């Protein structure tokens, strides 16, 4: 567990929830959170990171 996650355990919970979403749910969440409050900024950031991770994994798994 990283120092940041220990300091802010809610970030680990958010990460777990975001990782469980499928691609379209993830995109919808990002779109919705962009127009919401500051409290949702951590969730937005985590959802965007997960989306980038998935794109990188997908690009890495497809042969060049």
C-alpha atoms as a PDB file:
ATOM      1  CA  UNK A   1       0.000   0.000   0.000  1.00  0.00           C
ATOM      2  CA  UNK A   2       1.457   3.340  -0.968  1.00  0.00           C
ATOM      3  CA  UNK A   3       1.995   6.141   1.490  1.00  0.00           C
ATOM      4  CA  UNK A   4      -0.694   8.197  -0.256  1.00  0.00           C
ATOM      5  CA  UNK A   5      -3.275   5.402   0.046  1.00  0.00           C
ATOM      6  CA  UNK A   6      -2.474   4.951   3.744  1.00  0.00           C
ATOM      7  CA  UNK A   7      -2.846   8.678   4.277  1.00  0.00           C
ATOM      8  CA  UNK A   8      -6.125   8.784   2.306  1.00  0.00           C
ATOM      9  CA  UNK A   9      -7.802   5.371   2.544  1.00  0.00           C
ATOM     10  CA  UNK A  10     -10.805   6.631   0.562  1.00  0.00           C
ATOM     11  CA  UNK A  11      -8.578   6.772  -2.517  1.00  0.00           C
ATOM     12  CA  UNK A  12      -8.060   3.018  -2.333  1.00  0.00           C
ATOM     13  CA  UNK A  13     -11.817   2.514  -2.123  1.00  0.00           C
ATOM     14  CA  UNK A  14     -12.374   4.798  -5.111  1.00  0.00           C
ATOM     15  CA  UNK A  15      -9.710   2.905  -7.083  1.00  0.00           C
ATOM     16  CA  UNK A  16     -11.391  -0.431  -6.348  1.00  0.00           C
ATOM     17  CA  UNK A  17     -14.777   0.891  -7.448  1.00  0.00           C
ATOM     18  CA  UNK A  18     -13.382   2.456 -10.633  1.00  0.00           C
ATOM     19  CA  UNK A  19     -11.523  -0.733 -11.586  1.00  0.00           C
ATOM     20  CA  UNK A  20     -14.789  -2.684 -11.449  1.00  0.00           C
ATOM     21  CA  UNK A  21     -16.448  -0.537 -14.138  1.00  0.00           C
ATOM     22  CA  UNK A  22     -16.568  -1.555 -17.776  1.00  0.00           C
ATOM     23  CA  UNK A  23     -15.259   0.843 -20.448  1.00  0.00           C
ATOM     24  CA  UNK A  24     -18.571   2.554 -21.203  1.00  0.00           C
ATOM     25  CA  UNK A  25     -19.380   2.973 -17.495  1.00  0.00           C
ATOM     26  CA  UNK A  26     -15.922   4.443 -16.967  1.00  0.00           C
ATOM     27  CA  UNK A  27     -16.434   6.945 -19.807  1.00  0.00           C
ATOM     28  CA  UNK A  28     -19.861   7.920 -18.433  1.00  0.00           C
ATOM     29  CA  UNK A  29     -18.424   8.406 -14.953  1.00  0.00           C
ATOM     30  CA  UNK A  30     -15.669  10.671 -16.289  1.00  0.00           C
ATOM     31  CA  UNK A  31     -18.175  12.724 -18.272  1.00  0.00           C
ATOM     32  CA  UNK A  32     -20.460  13.093 -15.238  1.00  0.00           C
ATOM     33  CA  UNK A  33     -17.690  13.960 -12.783  1.00  0.00           C
ATOM     34  CA  UNK A  34     -16.262  16.704 -14.984  1.00  0.00           C
ATOM     35  CA  UNK A  35     -19.335  18.796 -14.170  1.00  0.00           C
ATOM     36  CA  UNK A  36     -19.550  18.025 -10.460  1.00  0.00           C
ATOM     37  CA  UNK A  37     -18.167  19.288  -7.173  1.00  0.00           C
ATOM     38  CA  UNK A  38     -14.643  19.405  -5.784  1.00  0.00           C
ATOM     39  CA  UNK A  39     -15.372  16.366  -3.627  1.00  0.00           C
ATOM     40  CA  UNK A  40     -15.641  14.317  -6.798  1.00  0.00           C
ATOM     41  CA  UNK A  41     -12.286  15.489  -8.165  1.00  0.00           C
ATOM     42  CA  UNK A  42     -10.452  12.554  -6.573  1.00  0.00           C
ATOM     43  CA  UNK A  43     -12.895  10.158  -8.211  1.00  0.00           C
ATOM     44  CA  UNK A  44     -12.512  11.932 -11.564  1.00  0.00           C
ATOM     45  CA  UNK A  45      -8.725  11.782 -11.378  1.00  0.00           C
ATOM     46  CA  UNK A  46      -8.783   8.086 -10.522  1.00  0.00           C
ATOM     47  CA  UNK A  47     -11.249   7.298 -13.316  1.00  0.00           C
ATOM     48  CA  UNK A  48      -9.085   9.144 -15.844  1.00  0.00           C
ATOM     49  CA  UNK A  49      -5.964   7.297 -14.636  1.00  0.00           C
ATOM     50  CA  UNK A  50      -7.761   3.968 -14.994  1.00  0.00           C
ATOM     51  CA  UNK A  51      -8.872   4.880 -18.505  1.00  0.00           C
ATOM     52  CA  UNK A  52      -5.255   5.703 -19.473  1.00  0.00           C
ATOM     53  CA  UNK A  53      -4.060   2.420 -17.891  1.00  0.00           C
ATOM     54  CA  UNK A  54      -6.568   0.464 -19.963  1.00  0.00           C
ATOM     55  CA  UNK A  55      -5.550   2.230 -23.170  1.00  0.00           C
ATOM     56  CA  UNK A  56      -1.878   1.482 -22.460  1.00  0.00           C
ATOM     57  CA  UNK A  57      -2.634  -2.179 -21.690  1.00  0.00           C
ATOM     58  CA  UNK A  58      -4.728  -2.512 -24.826  1.00  0.00           C
ATOM     59  CA  UNK A  59      -1.995  -0.887 -26.952  1.00  0.00           C
ATOM     60  CA  UNK A  60       0.653  -3.125 -25.388  1.00  0.00           C
ATOM     61  CA  UNK A  61      -1.374  -6.283 -25.984  1.00  0.00           C
ATOM     62  CA  UNK A  62      -2.037  -5.626 -29.682  1.00  0.00           C
ATOM     63  CA  UNK A  63       0.869  -6.663 -31.899  1.00  0.00           C
ATOM     64  CA  UNK A  64       2.585  -3.827 -33.756  1.00  0.00           C
END
